[in-house]
Amino acid sequence: MNFSDWYTDTMEIYRTQDIMDGQLTRQERVQIAAGIPCRIYQSDNRPIHMTQTAANVKESDHLACDLSVDVRSGDELKITRGGALGKSGPVIRAFASDPNLYYEPFGAILPGLAHQEIRLLQEERVT
């Protein structure tokens, strides 16, 4: 079995970097990677929370991708559901936590299990 086929979504990674603007340094989110195969595999879809002034969505999902992908805590991720299958599903904007790395166990019966898992935070407010 080819476990890379499990990655049905794609993601773009944006990272905050220092940009020189004359003599001033400002921070800006810059795209550092795109088209990376991944998968949201455990979705924690919570209902929308309504108040008098705004609607609030706060979800916490898990994402899996290859160990070679450089994802850091605080990175902004834009994940296209079904993107690796050529579909244009919904695009999810989320922020990454520290990745948990799972290396290939020595003498593994099923090779290809190495991956990293990243907990995502999706928080949107609509007024």
N, C-alpha and C. Protein backbone atom coordinates (compact mmCIF):
# COMPACT_ATOMS: atom_id res chain seq x y z
N MET A 1 0.85 -1.19 0.00
CA MET A 1 0.00 0.00 0.00
C MET A 1 0.89 1.24 0.00
N ASN A 2 0.54 2.22 -0.82
CA ASN A 2 1.28 3.46 -0.88
C ASN A 2 0.58 4.50 0.00
N PHE A 3 1.17 4.78 1.17
CA PHE A 3 0.52 5.69 2.11
C PHE A 3 0.52 7.14 1.64
N SER A 4 1.36 7.48 0.66
CA SER A 4 1.33 8.84 0.14
C SER A 4 0.02 9.12 -0.59
N ASP A 5 -0.69 8.08 -1.05
CA ASP A 5 -1.99 8.25 -1.68
C ASP A 5 -3.05 8.71 -0.68
N TRP A 6 -2.73 8.58 0.60
CA TRP A 6 -3.66 8.98 1.66
C TRP A 6 -3.82 10.50 1.70
N TYR A 7 -2.80 11.24 1.22
CA TYR A 7 -2.83 12.70 1.24
C TYR A 7 -3.70 13.22 0.11
N THR A 8 -4.95 13.54 0.42
CA THR A 8 -5.92 13.95 -0.58
C THR A 8 -6.06 15.46 -0.68
N ASP A 9 -5.50 16.21 0.26
CA ASP A 9 -5.60 17.66 0.28
C ASP A 9 -4.25 18.27 -0.11
N THR A 10 -4.23 19.56 -0.39
CA THR A 10 -2.97 20.28 -0.62
C THR A 10 -2.97 21.52 0.26
N MET A 11 -1.76 22.01 0.56
CA MET A 11 -1.67 23.20 1.40
C MET A 11 -0.61 24.16 0.90
N GLU A 12 -0.82 25.41 1.26
CA GLU A 12 0.15 26.49 1.07
C GLU A 12 0.61 26.90 2.47
N ILE A 13 1.90 27.23 2.60
CA ILE A 13 2.44 27.65 3.89
C ILE A 13 2.88 29.10 3.80
N TYR A 14 2.44 29.91 4.75
CA TYR A 14 2.84 31.31 4.85
C TYR A 14 3.53 31.51 6.20
N ARG A 15 4.65 32.21 6.18
CA ARG A 15 5.44 32.43 7.40
C ARG A 15 5.75 33.92 7.53
N THR A 16 5.73 34.41 8.76
CA THR A 16 6.06 35.80 9.04
C THR A 16 7.56 35.99 8.90
N GLN A 17 7.95 36.97 8.08
CA GLN A 17 9.37 37.27 7.87
C GLN A 17 9.59 38.77 8.00
N ASP A 18 10.80 39.14 8.40
CA ASP A 18 11.18 40.55 8.49
C ASP A 18 11.44 41.10 7.09
N ILE A 19 10.85 42.23 6.79
CA ILE A 19 11.02 42.90 5.49
C ILE A 19 11.57 44.30 5.77
N MET A 20 12.66 44.63 5.10
CA MET A 20 13.24 45.97 5.24
C MET A 20 12.46 46.94 4.36
N ASP A 21 11.99 48.02 4.97
CA ASP A 21 11.25 49.07 4.28
C ASP A 21 12.00 50.38 4.54
N GLY A 22 13.00 50.64 3.70
CA GLY A 22 13.89 51.77 3.96
C GLY A 22 14.75 51.45 5.18
N GLN A 23 14.63 52.27 6.22
CA GLN A 23 15.37 52.04 7.46
C GLN A 23 14.52 51.30 8.50
N LEU A 24 13.30 50.98 8.14
CA LEU A 24 12.39 50.30 9.07
C LEU A 24 12.28 48.82 8.73
N THR A 25 12.12 48.02 9.75
CA THR A 25 11.87 46.60 9.58
C THR A 25 10.42 46.33 9.95
N ARG A 26 9.70 45.75 9.03
CA ARG A 26 8.31 45.37 9.31
C ARG A 26 8.16 43.88 9.06
N GLN A 27 7.12 43.32 9.63
CA GLN A 27 6.88 41.89 9.44
C GLN A 27 5.72 41.68 8.47
N GLU A 28 5.89 40.68 7.63
CA GLU A 28 4.90 40.38 6.61
C GLU A 28 4.82 38.88 6.42
N ARG A 29 3.61 38.37 6.18
CA ARG A 29 3.45 36.94 5.89
C ARG A 29 3.82 36.71 4.44
N VAL A 30 4.72 35.76 4.22
CA VAL A 30 5.24 35.46 2.89
C VAL A 30 4.99 33.98 2.60
N GLN A 31 4.53 33.68 1.38
CA GLN A 31 4.33 32.28 1.01
C GLN A 31 5.69 31.61 0.84
N ILE A 32 5.90 30.49 1.55
CA ILE A 32 7.17 29.78 1.43
C ILE A 32 7.04 28.44 0.73
N ALA A 33 5.80 27.94 0.59
CA ALA A 33 5.60 26.67 -0.11
C ALA A 33 4.15 26.58 -0.58
N ALA A 34 3.92 25.81 -1.65
CA ALA A 34 2.56 25.63 -2.18
C ALA A 34 2.45 24.24 -2.80
N GLY A 35 1.21 23.76 -2.90
CA GLY A 35 0.96 22.47 -3.54
C GLY A 35 1.46 21.28 -2.76
N ILE A 36 1.57 21.39 -1.45
CA ILE A 36 2.10 20.30 -0.62
C ILE A 36 0.98 19.31 -0.30
N PRO A 37 1.17 18.02 -0.62
CA PRO A 37 0.14 17.02 -0.28
C PRO A 37 0.02 16.87 1.23
N CYS A 38 -1.22 16.79 1.71
CA CYS A 38 -1.50 16.64 3.13
C CYS A 38 -2.90 16.07 3.30
N ARG A 39 -3.32 15.94 4.55
CA ARG A 39 -4.68 15.45 4.80
C ARG A 39 -5.15 15.93 6.16
N ILE A 40 -6.32 16.53 6.18
CA ILE A 40 -6.99 16.78 7.46
C ILE A 40 -7.70 15.49 7.79
N TYR A 41 -7.26 14.84 8.87
CA TYR A 41 -7.78 13.51 9.13
C TYR A 41 -8.64 13.41 10.37
N GLN A 42 -8.63 14.41 11.20
CA GLN A 42 -9.52 14.38 12.36
C GLN A 42 -10.09 15.77 12.50
N SER A 43 -11.34 15.92 12.17
CA SER A 43 -11.96 17.23 12.17
C SER A 43 -12.77 17.40 13.44
N ASP A 44 -12.62 18.56 14.04
CA ASP A 44 -13.35 18.89 15.27
C ASP A 44 -14.27 20.06 14.95
N ASN A 45 -15.25 19.80 14.11
CA ASN A 45 -16.17 20.85 13.68
C ASN A 45 -17.12 21.20 14.81
N ARG A 46 -16.93 22.37 15.33
CA ARG A 46 -17.82 22.86 16.39
C ARG A 46 -18.87 23.75 15.74
N PRO A 47 -20.03 23.89 16.37
CA PRO A 47 -21.05 24.75 15.77
C PRO A 47 -20.64 26.22 15.86
N ILE A 48 -21.22 27.03 15.00
CA ILE A 48 -20.96 28.46 15.01
C ILE A 48 -21.56 29.04 16.29
N HIS A 49 -20.84 29.98 16.88
CA HIS A 49 -21.28 30.62 18.12
C HIS A 49 -21.77 32.02 17.77
N MET A 50 -23.00 32.31 18.08
CA MET A 50 -23.60 33.60 17.72
C MET A 50 -23.68 34.50 18.95
N THR A 51 -23.31 35.77 18.76
CA THR A 51 -23.51 36.79 19.77
C THR A 51 -24.28 37.93 19.12
N GLN A 52 -24.55 38.99 19.89
CA GLN A 52 -25.29 40.12 19.33
C GLN A 52 -24.47 40.91 18.32
N THR A 53 -23.15 40.85 18.44
CA THR A 53 -22.31 41.68 17.56
C THR A 53 -21.59 40.90 16.47
N ALA A 54 -21.41 39.58 16.64
CA ALA A 54 -20.63 38.83 15.65
C ALA A 54 -20.92 37.34 15.76
N ALA A 55 -20.53 36.64 14.71
CA ALA A 55 -20.55 35.17 14.72
C ALA A 55 -19.10 34.71 14.83
N ASN A 56 -18.86 33.65 15.59
CA ASN A 56 -17.51 33.19 15.86
C ASN A 56 -17.41 31.70 15.55
N VAL A 57 -16.42 31.34 14.73
CA VAL A 57 -16.14 29.94 14.43
C VAL A 57 -14.76 29.63 14.97
N LYS A 58 -14.66 28.58 15.80
CA LYS A 58 -13.37 28.18 16.35
C LYS A 58 -13.29 26.66 16.28
N GLU A 59 -12.41 26.17 15.40
CA GLU A 59 -12.29 24.73 15.19
C GLU A 59 -10.86 24.30 15.42
N SER A 60 -10.71 23.04 15.77
CA SER A 60 -9.38 22.47 16.01
C SER A 60 -9.31 21.14 15.27
N ASP A 61 -8.49 21.09 14.22
CA ASP A 61 -8.35 19.90 13.39
C ASP A 61 -6.93 19.37 13.50
N HIS A 62 -6.71 18.19 12.95
CA HIS A 62 -5.38 17.60 12.85
C HIS A 62 -5.03 17.45 11.37
N LEU A 63 -3.76 17.70 11.05
CA LEU A 63 -3.29 17.59 9.68
C LEU A 63 -2.08 16.67 9.67
N ALA A 64 -1.99 15.82 8.66
CA ALA A 64 -0.83 14.93 8.48
C ALA A 64 -0.17 15.27 7.15
N CYS A 65 1.17 15.23 7.15
CA CYS A 65 1.92 15.45 5.92
C CYS A 65 3.28 14.77 6.05
N ASP A 66 4.06 14.81 4.99
CA ASP A 66 5.36 14.16 4.95
C ASP A 66 6.34 14.83 5.92
N LEU A 67 7.30 14.06 6.40
CA LEU A 67 8.31 14.58 7.33
C LEU A 67 9.19 15.67 6.70
N SER A 68 9.32 15.68 5.40
CA SER A 68 10.19 16.65 4.73
C SER A 68 9.61 18.06 4.67
N VAL A 69 8.33 18.22 5.00
CA VAL A 69 7.68 19.52 4.92
C VAL A 69 8.08 20.36 6.13
N ASP A 70 8.53 21.59 5.87
CA ASP A 70 8.96 22.51 6.92
C ASP A 70 7.78 23.34 7.40
N VAL A 71 7.10 22.86 8.44
CA VAL A 71 5.99 23.59 9.06
C VAL A 71 6.43 23.95 10.47
N ARG A 72 6.21 25.20 10.84
CA ARG A 72 6.60 25.68 12.17
C ARG A 72 5.39 26.24 12.89
N SER A 73 5.48 26.27 14.19
CA SER A 73 4.41 26.82 15.01
C SER A 73 4.15 28.27 14.61
N GLY A 74 2.88 28.61 14.40
CA GLY A 74 2.50 29.96 14.02
C GLY A 74 2.36 30.17 12.53
N ASP A 75 2.80 29.19 11.72
CA ASP A 75 2.64 29.32 10.27
C ASP A 75 1.15 29.36 9.92
N GLU A 76 0.83 30.17 8.92
CA GLU A 76 -0.53 30.19 8.39
C GLU A 76 -0.60 29.18 7.26
N LEU A 77 -1.61 28.32 7.31
CA LEU A 77 -1.79 27.29 6.29
C LEU A 77 -3.11 27.53 5.57
N LYS A 78 -3.08 27.42 4.26
CA LYS A 78 -4.31 27.44 3.47
C LYS A 78 -4.43 26.07 2.83
N ILE A 79 -5.43 25.32 3.28
CA ILE A 79 -5.59 23.92 2.89
C ILE A 79 -6.78 23.80 1.95
N THR A 80 -6.54 23.21 0.77
CA THR A 80 -7.60 22.97 -0.20
C THR A 80 -8.03 21.52 -0.07
N ARG A 81 -9.26 21.32 0.37
CA ARG A 81 -9.78 19.97 0.52
C ARG A 81 -9.94 19.33 -0.85
N GLY A 82 -9.37 18.14 -1.02
CA GLY A 82 -9.43 17.41 -2.28
C GLY A 82 -8.46 17.93 -3.33
N GLY A 83 -7.57 18.86 -2.97
CA GLY A 83 -6.65 19.46 -3.92
C GLY A 83 -5.72 18.47 -4.59
N ALA A 84 -5.28 17.44 -3.86
CA ALA A 84 -4.38 16.44 -4.45
C ALA A 84 -5.11 15.50 -5.40
N LEU A 85 -6.43 15.54 -5.36
CA LEU A 85 -7.24 14.71 -6.26
C LEU A 85 -7.73 15.50 -7.46
N GLY A 86 -7.26 16.77 -7.58
CA GLY A 86 -7.68 17.61 -8.69
C GLY A 86 -9.02 18.27 -8.46
N LYS A 87 -9.51 18.24 -7.25
CA LYS A 87 -10.79 18.85 -6.93
C LYS A 87 -10.55 20.22 -6.31
N SER A 88 -11.52 21.10 -6.44
CA SER A 88 -11.40 22.43 -5.84
C SER A 88 -12.42 22.55 -4.72
N GLY A 89 -12.14 21.81 -3.65
CA GLY A 89 -13.02 21.83 -2.49
C GLY A 89 -12.84 23.11 -1.70
N PRO A 90 -13.47 23.18 -0.52
CA PRO A 90 -13.34 24.39 0.29
C PRO A 90 -11.89 24.63 0.72
N VAL A 91 -11.53 25.90 0.84
CA VAL A 91 -10.20 26.28 1.31
C VAL A 91 -10.31 26.67 2.77
N ILE A 92 -9.50 26.03 3.59
CA ILE A 92 -9.50 26.27 5.02
C ILE A 92 -8.27 27.07 5.38
N ARG A 93 -8.44 28.14 6.13
CA ARG A 93 -7.33 28.96 6.62
C ARG A 93 -7.15 28.63 8.09
N ALA A 94 -5.94 28.19 8.46
CA ALA A 94 -5.69 27.78 9.84
C ALA A 94 -4.25 28.12 10.22
N PHE A 95 -3.97 28.04 11.51
CA PHE A 95 -2.63 28.27 12.02
C PHE A 95 -2.10 26.98 12.63
N ALA A 96 -0.80 26.73 12.44
CA ALA A 96 -0.17 25.48 12.85
C ALA A 96 0.38 25.56 14.27
N SER A 97 0.34 24.44 14.96
CA SER A 97 1.03 24.29 16.24
C SER A 97 2.38 23.62 15.97
N ASP A 98 3.10 23.28 17.02
CA ASP A 98 4.36 22.55 16.83
C ASP A 98 4.06 21.18 16.24
N PRO A 99 4.81 20.77 15.21
CA PRO A 99 4.57 19.46 14.61
C PRO A 99 5.04 18.33 15.52
N ASN A 100 4.33 17.22 15.48
CA ASN A 100 4.75 15.99 16.14
C ASN A 100 5.28 15.07 15.05
N LEU A 101 6.55 14.69 15.16
CA LEU A 101 7.20 13.88 14.12
C LEU A 101 7.12 12.40 14.47
N TYR A 102 6.70 11.60 13.52
CA TYR A 102 6.62 10.15 13.68
C TYR A 102 7.49 9.51 12.60
N TYR A 103 8.63 8.99 13.02
CA TYR A 103 9.59 8.40 12.09
C TYR A 103 9.23 6.95 11.81
N GLU A 104 9.78 6.43 10.73
CA GLU A 104 9.56 5.03 10.34
C GLU A 104 10.14 4.11 11.40
N PRO A 105 9.34 3.22 11.97
CA PRO A 105 9.89 2.28 12.96
C PRO A 105 10.86 1.30 12.30
N PHE A 106 11.91 0.95 13.01
CA PHE A 106 12.91 0.02 12.49
C PHE A 106 12.27 -1.33 12.26
N GLY A 107 12.46 -1.90 11.08
CA GLY A 107 11.88 -3.21 10.75
C GLY A 107 10.38 -3.16 10.57
N ALA A 108 9.87 -2.04 10.10
CA ALA A 108 8.43 -1.88 9.95
C ALA A 108 7.87 -2.89 8.96
N ILE A 109 6.74 -3.45 9.31
CA ILE A 109 6.07 -4.40 8.43
C ILE A 109 5.46 -3.67 7.24
N LEU A 110 4.86 -2.52 7.49
CA LEU A 110 4.27 -1.70 6.43
C LEU A 110 5.08 -0.42 6.29
N PRO A 111 6.02 -0.37 5.37
CA PRO A 111 6.81 0.86 5.22
C PRO A 111 5.96 2.01 4.70
N GLY A 112 6.39 3.21 5.00
CA GLY A 112 5.67 4.39 4.54
C GLY A 112 4.82 5.03 5.61
N LEU A 113 4.99 4.63 6.87
CA LEU A 113 4.20 5.19 7.95
C LEU A 113 4.76 6.50 8.49
N ALA A 114 5.98 6.86 8.11
CA ALA A 114 6.59 8.07 8.63
C ALA A 114 5.79 9.29 8.18
N HIS A 115 5.49 10.19 9.12
CA HIS A 115 4.72 11.39 8.82
C HIS A 115 4.84 12.36 9.99
N GLN A 116 4.29 13.53 9.83
CA GLN A 116 4.17 14.45 10.95
C GLN A 116 2.72 14.86 11.09
N GLU A 117 2.33 15.09 12.34
CA GLU A 117 0.97 15.52 12.64
C GLU A 117 1.03 16.92 13.22
N ILE A 118 0.13 17.75 12.76
CA ILE A 118 0.10 19.15 13.18
C ILE A 118 -1.32 19.49 13.61
N ARG A 119 -1.44 19.99 14.81
CA ARG A 119 -2.75 20.45 15.28
C ARG A 119 -3.00 21.84 14.71
N LEU A 120 -4.20 22.07 14.19
CA LEU A 120 -4.56 23.32 13.55
C LEU A 120 -5.54 24.10 14.39
N LEU A 121 -5.47 25.41 14.29
CA LEU A 121 -6.47 26.27 14.91
C LEU A 121 -7.09 27.12 13.81
N GLN A 122 -8.39 26.99 13.65
CA GLN A 122 -9.12 27.79 12.69
C GLN A 122 -10.05 28.68 13.49
N GLU A 123 -9.87 29.98 13.37
CA GLU A 123 -10.70 30.91 14.11
C GLU A 123 -11.10 32.06 13.19
N GLU A 124 -12.38 32.22 13.01
CA GLU A 124 -12.91 33.27 12.13
C GLU A 124 -14.02 34.01 12.85
N ARG A 125 -14.07 35.31 12.66
CA ARG A 125 -15.13 36.14 13.21
C ARG A 125 -15.81 36.88 12.06
N VAL A 126 -17.13 36.87 12.08
CA VAL A 126 -17.90 37.56 11.06
C VAL A 126 -18.79 38.56 11.78
N THR A 127 -18.67 39.82 11.40
CA THR A 127 -19.51 40.84 12.06
C THR A 127 -20.60 41.32 11.15
